[in-house]
């Protein structure tokens, strides 16, 4: 009986910390992220990326509006590092979708965390916790002139 009491007490102490898990919202610089060597090496230059209301050439055809929701392991990483890594993953997913659709650009890229749209040409939204970091993006996949 004493062991059961110890186990139950331990569980009661443990579960409140889980229910109060960290979910820190960060608005981070798109330009700073795009300048890193990981982004330079991994992004496909043939699929152009346009954030928020950035101007681009005329849309010839639209393949559709797509959302990507990526998560990454944040253990042992700074929030910024984890967020930049998962942002890259989300952009790569959008570029892969553009290739699959035969398009050459992704426009109107907006943060879309928990379906809350934040459109910016300078920042992206990321949420980081002790274990995971996540970025969700919404964008139009198009062919530009």
C-alpha atoms as a PDB file:
ATOM      1  CA  UNK A   1       0.000   0.000   0.000  1.00  0.00           C
ATOM      2  CA  UNK A   2       2.867   2.334   0.798  1.00  0.00           C
ATOM      3  CA  UNK A   3       4.390   1.721  -2.665  1.00  0.00           C
ATOM      4  CA  UNK A   4       1.093   2.591  -4.333  1.00  0.00           C
ATOM      5  CA  UNK A   5       0.913   5.831  -2.389  1.00  0.00           C
ATOM      6  CA  UNK A   6       4.457   6.736  -3.448  1.00  0.00           C
ATOM      7  CA  UNK A   7       3.657   5.974  -7.098  1.00  0.00           C
ATOM      8  CA  UNK A   8       0.441   8.007  -7.049  1.00  0.00           C
ATOM      9  CA  UNK A   9       2.169  10.933  -5.367  1.00  0.00           C
ATOM     10  CA  UNK A  10       4.956  10.814  -7.952  1.00  0.00           C
ATOM     11  CA  UNK A  11       2.445  10.793 -10.799  1.00  0.00           C
ATOM     12  CA  UNK A  12       0.578  13.770  -9.333  1.00  0.00           C
ATOM     13  CA  UNK A  13       3.821  15.709  -9.145  1.00  0.00           C
ATOM     14  CA  UNK A  14       4.824  14.724 -12.683  1.00  0.00           C
ATOM     15  CA  UNK A  15       1.590  15.390 -14.579  1.00  0.00           C
ATOM     16  CA  UNK A  16       1.178  19.084 -13.697  1.00  0.00           C
ATOM     17  CA  UNK A  17       4.510  19.783 -15.377  1.00  0.00           C
ATOM     18  CA  UNK A  18       3.271  18.096 -18.549  1.00  0.00           C
ATOM     19  CA  UNK A  19       0.054  20.099 -18.557  1.00  0.00           C
ATOM     20  CA  UNK A  20       2.130  23.271 -18.308  1.00  0.00           C
ATOM     21  CA  UNK A  21       4.430  22.351 -21.215  1.00  0.00           C
ATOM     22  CA  UNK A  22       6.176  25.271 -22.864  1.00  0.00           C
ATOM     23  CA  UNK A  23       4.798  26.597 -26.154  1.00  0.00           C
ATOM     24  CA  UNK A  24       6.740  29.776 -26.813  1.00  0.00           C
ATOM     25  CA  UNK A  25       5.705  31.824 -29.845  1.00  0.00           C
ATOM     26  CA  UNK A  26       8.569  33.329 -31.841  1.00  0.00           C
ATOM     27  CA  UNK A  27       8.429  35.726 -34.775  1.00  0.00           C
ATOM     28  CA  UNK A  28      11.759  35.233 -36.544  1.00  0.00           C
ATOM     29  CA  UNK A  29      13.436  36.928 -39.478  1.00  0.00           C
ATOM     30  CA  UNK A  30      12.909  35.296 -42.864  1.00  0.00           C
ATOM     31  CA  UNK A  31      16.001  37.067 -44.247  1.00  0.00           C
ATOM     32  CA  UNK A  32      18.234  35.857 -41.413  1.00  0.00           C
ATOM     33  CA  UNK A  33      17.068  32.289 -41.910  1.00  0.00           C
ATOM     34  CA  UNK A  34      17.451  32.451 -45.700  1.00  0.00           C
ATOM     35  CA  UNK A  35      21.061  33.635 -45.347  1.00  0.00           C
ATOM     36  CA  UNK A  36      22.181  30.488 -43.499  1.00  0.00           C
ATOM     37  CA  UNK A  37      24.230  27.905 -45.357  1.00  0.00           C
ATOM     38  CA  UNK A  38      21.578  25.214 -44.768  1.00  0.00           C
ATOM     39  CA  UNK A  39      19.010  27.263 -46.683  1.00  0.00           C
ATOM     40  CA  UNK A  40      21.500  28.178 -49.423  1.00  0.00           C
ATOM     41  CA  UNK A  41      22.451  24.522 -49.953  1.00  0.00           C
ATOM     42  CA  UNK A  42      19.066  22.830 -49.659  1.00  0.00           C
ATOM     43  CA  UNK A  43      16.493  25.137 -51.263  1.00  0.00           C
ATOM     44  CA  UNK A  44      15.880  24.695 -54.990  1.00  0.00           C
ATOM     45  CA  UNK A  45      16.612  27.970 -56.779  1.00  0.00           C
ATOM     46  CA  UNK A  46      14.365  26.978 -59.689  1.00  0.00           C
ATOM     47  CA  UNK A  47      11.274  27.217 -57.449  1.00  0.00           C
ATOM     48  CA  UNK A  48      10.979  30.848 -56.355  1.00  0.00           C
ATOM     49  CA  UNK A  49       9.578  31.736 -52.927  1.00  0.00           C
ATOM     50  CA  UNK A  50       7.571  34.909 -52.214  1.00  0.00           C
ATOM     51  CA  UNK A  51       6.509  35.748 -48.664  1.00  0.00           C
ATOM     52  CA  UNK A  52       3.463  37.760 -47.663  1.00  0.00           C
ATOM     53  CA  UNK A  53       2.669  40.425 -50.233  1.00  0.00           C
ATOM     54  CA  UNK A  54       6.074  40.453 -51.961  1.00  0.00           C
ATOM     55  CA  UNK A  55       5.742  41.439 -55.594  1.00  0.00           C
ATOM     56  CA  UNK A  56       6.336  38.878 -58.304  1.00  0.00           C
ATOM     57  CA  UNK A  57       5.732  38.562 -62.016  1.00  0.00           C
ATOM     58  CA  UNK A  58       2.302  37.762 -63.417  1.00  0.00           C
ATOM     59  CA  UNK A  59       0.687  34.461 -62.421  1.00  0.00           C
ATOM     60  CA  UNK A  60       0.087  32.363 -65.546  1.00  0.00           C
ATOM     61  CA  UNK A  61      -1.631  29.489 -63.729  1.00  0.00           C
ATOM     62  CA  UNK A  62      -2.458  28.496 -60.169  1.00  0.00           C
ATOM     63  CA  UNK A  63      -2.069  24.871 -59.069  1.00  0.00           C
ATOM     64  CA  UNK A  64      -3.753  25.440 -55.713  1.00  0.00           C
ATOM     65  CA  UNK A  65      -3.426  26.597 -52.144  1.00  0.00           C
ATOM     66  CA  UNK A  66      -1.458  24.267 -49.884  1.00  0.00           C
ATOM     67  CA  UNK A  67      -0.558  24.019 -46.218  1.00  0.00           C
ATOM     68  CA  UNK A  68       2.409  22.353 -44.598  1.00  0.00           C
ATOM     69  CA  UNK A  69       2.736  21.717 -40.875  1.00  0.00           C
ATOM     70  CA  UNK A  70       6.210  20.591 -39.837  1.00  0.00           C
ATOM     71  CA  UNK A  71       7.696  19.678 -36.474  1.00  0.00           C
ATOM     72  CA  UNK A  72      11.265  19.016 -35.430  1.00  0.00           C
ATOM     73  CA  UNK A  73      13.105  17.743 -32.403  1.00  0.00           C
ATOM     74  CA  UNK A  74      14.158  20.749 -30.296  1.00  0.00           C
ATOM     75  CA  UNK A  75      16.026  18.850 -27.578  1.00  0.00           C
ATOM     76  CA  UNK A  76      19.434  20.386 -26.986  1.00  0.00           C
ATOM     77  CA  UNK A  77      18.881  23.174 -29.539  1.00  0.00           C
ATOM     78  CA  UNK A  78      18.175  26.839 -29.045  1.00  0.00           C
ATOM     79  CA  UNK A  79      14.645  27.871 -30.004  1.00  0.00           C
ATOM     80  CA  UNK A  80      15.995  29.918 -32.915  1.00  0.00           C
ATOM     81  CA  UNK A  81      18.053  27.037 -34.286  1.00  0.00           C
ATOM     82  CA  UNK A  82      15.151  24.574 -34.002  1.00  0.00           C
ATOM     83  CA  UNK A  83      12.735  27.089 -35.547  1.00  0.00           C
ATOM     84  CA  UNK A  84      15.016  27.853 -38.480  1.00  0.00           C
ATOM     85  CA  UNK A  85      15.507  24.132 -39.111  1.00  0.00           C
ATOM     86  CA  UNK A  86      11.776  23.393 -39.139  1.00  0.00           C
ATOM     87  CA  UNK A  87      11.119  26.517 -41.256  1.00  0.00           C
ATOM     88  CA  UNK A  88      13.526  25.106 -43.843  1.00  0.00           C
ATOM     89  CA  UNK A  89      11.673  21.787 -43.729  1.00  0.00           C
ATOM     90  CA  UNK A  90       8.344  23.554 -44.347  1.00  0.00           C
ATOM     91  CA  UNK A  91       9.768  25.515 -47.288  1.00  0.00           C
ATOM     92  CA  UNK A  92      11.239  22.346 -48.790  1.00  0.00           C
ATOM     93  CA  UNK A  93       7.802  20.709 -48.557  1.00  0.00           C
ATOM     94  CA  UNK A  94       6.235  23.644 -50.414  1.00  0.00           C
ATOM     95  CA  UNK A  95       8.924  23.488 -53.095  1.00  0.00           C
ATOM     96  CA  UNK A  96       8.375  19.738 -53.499  1.00  0.00           C
ATOM     97  CA  UNK A  97       4.644  20.388 -53.901  1.00  0.00           C
ATOM     98  CA  UNK A  98       5.384  23.007 -56.564  1.00  0.00           C
ATOM     99  CA  UNK A  99       7.569  20.514 -58.468  1.00  0.00           C
ATOM    100  CA  UNK A 100       4.861  17.851 -58.236  1.00  0.00           C
ATOM    101  CA  UNK A 101       2.316  20.329 -59.627  1.00  0.00           C
ATOM    102  CA  UNK A 102       4.635  21.453 -62.450  1.00  0.00           C
ATOM    103  CA  UNK A 103       4.795  24.997 -61.022  1.00  0.00           C
ATOM    104  CA  UNK A 104       7.779  27.332 -60.745  1.00  0.00           C
ATOM    105  CA  UNK A 105       6.905  29.433 -57.686  1.00  0.00           C
ATOM    106  CA  UNK A 106       5.293  29.524 -54.281  1.00  0.00           C
ATOM    107  CA  UNK A 107       3.623  32.878 -53.522  1.00  0.00           C
ATOM    108  CA  UNK A 108       1.685  34.457 -50.665  1.00  0.00           C
ATOM    109  CA  UNK A 109       3.592  32.330 -48.134  1.00  0.00           C
ATOM    110  CA  UNK A 110       2.071  32.989 -44.706  1.00  0.00           C
ATOM    111  CA  UNK A 111       2.509  31.481 -41.285  1.00  0.00           C
ATOM    112  CA  UNK A 112      -0.494  29.314 -40.448  1.00  0.00           C
ATOM    113  CA  UNK A 113       0.103  27.989 -36.933  1.00  0.00           C
ATOM    114  CA  UNK A 114      -3.079  26.424 -35.506  1.00  0.00           C
ATOM    115  CA  UNK A 115      -4.878  27.818 -38.587  1.00  0.00           C
ATOM    116  CA  UNK A 116      -4.103  31.389 -37.499  1.00  0.00           C
ATOM    117  CA  UNK A 117      -2.856  33.130 -40.637  1.00  0.00           C
ATOM    118  CA  UNK A 118      -0.054  35.681 -40.195  1.00  0.00           C
ATOM    119  CA  UNK A 119       1.114  37.208 -43.462  1.00  0.00           C
ATOM    120  CA  UNK A 120       4.502  38.901 -43.437  1.00  0.00           C
ATOM    121  CA  UNK A 121       7.262  39.498 -45.940  1.00  0.00           C
ATOM    122  CA  UNK A 122       9.849  39.763 -43.168  1.00  0.00           C
ATOM    123  CA  UNK A 123       8.948  37.285 -40.383  1.00  0.00           C
ATOM    124  CA  UNK A 124       7.679  33.748 -39.867  1.00  0.00           C
ATOM    125  CA  UNK A 125       5.942  32.307 -36.816  1.00  0.00           C
ATOM    126  CA  UNK A 126       7.344  29.351 -34.924  1.00  0.00           C
ATOM    127  CA  UNK A 127       6.281  27.712 -31.671  1.00  0.00           C
ATOM    128  CA  UNK A 128       8.935  26.023 -29.559  1.00  0.00           C
ATOM    129  CA  UNK A 129       8.766  23.819 -26.520  1.00  0.00           C
ATOM    130  CA  UNK A 130      11.202  21.744 -24.531  1.00  0.00           C
ATOM    131  CA  UNK A 131      10.917  18.812 -26.935  1.00  0.00           C
ATOM    132  CA  UNK A 132       9.454  20.043 -30.250  1.00  0.00           C
ATOM    133  CA  UNK A 133       9.378  23.116 -32.473  1.00  0.00           C
ATOM    134  CA  UNK A 134       6.787  23.659 -35.186  1.00  0.00           C
ATOM    135  CA  UNK A 135       6.136  25.829 -38.222  1.00  0.00           C
ATOM    136  CA  UNK A 136       3.004  25.757 -40.359  1.00  0.00           C
ATOM    137  CA  UNK A 137       2.897  27.600 -43.674  1.00  0.00           C
ATOM    138  CA  UNK A 138       0.119  28.273 -46.156  1.00  0.00           C
ATOM    139  CA  UNK A 139       0.814  29.366 -49.736  1.00  0.00           C
ATOM    140  CA  UNK A 140      -0.296  29.376 -53.349  1.00  0.00           C
ATOM    141  CA  UNK A 141       1.610  27.164 -55.777  1.00  0.00           C
ATOM    142  CA  UNK A 142       1.734  28.900 -59.149  1.00  0.00           C
ATOM    143  CA  UNK A 143       3.460  29.233 -62.482  1.00  0.00           C
ATOM    144  CA  UNK A 144       4.829  32.707 -63.037  1.00  0.00           C
ATOM    145  CA  UNK A 145       5.478  34.315 -66.410  1.00  0.00           C
END
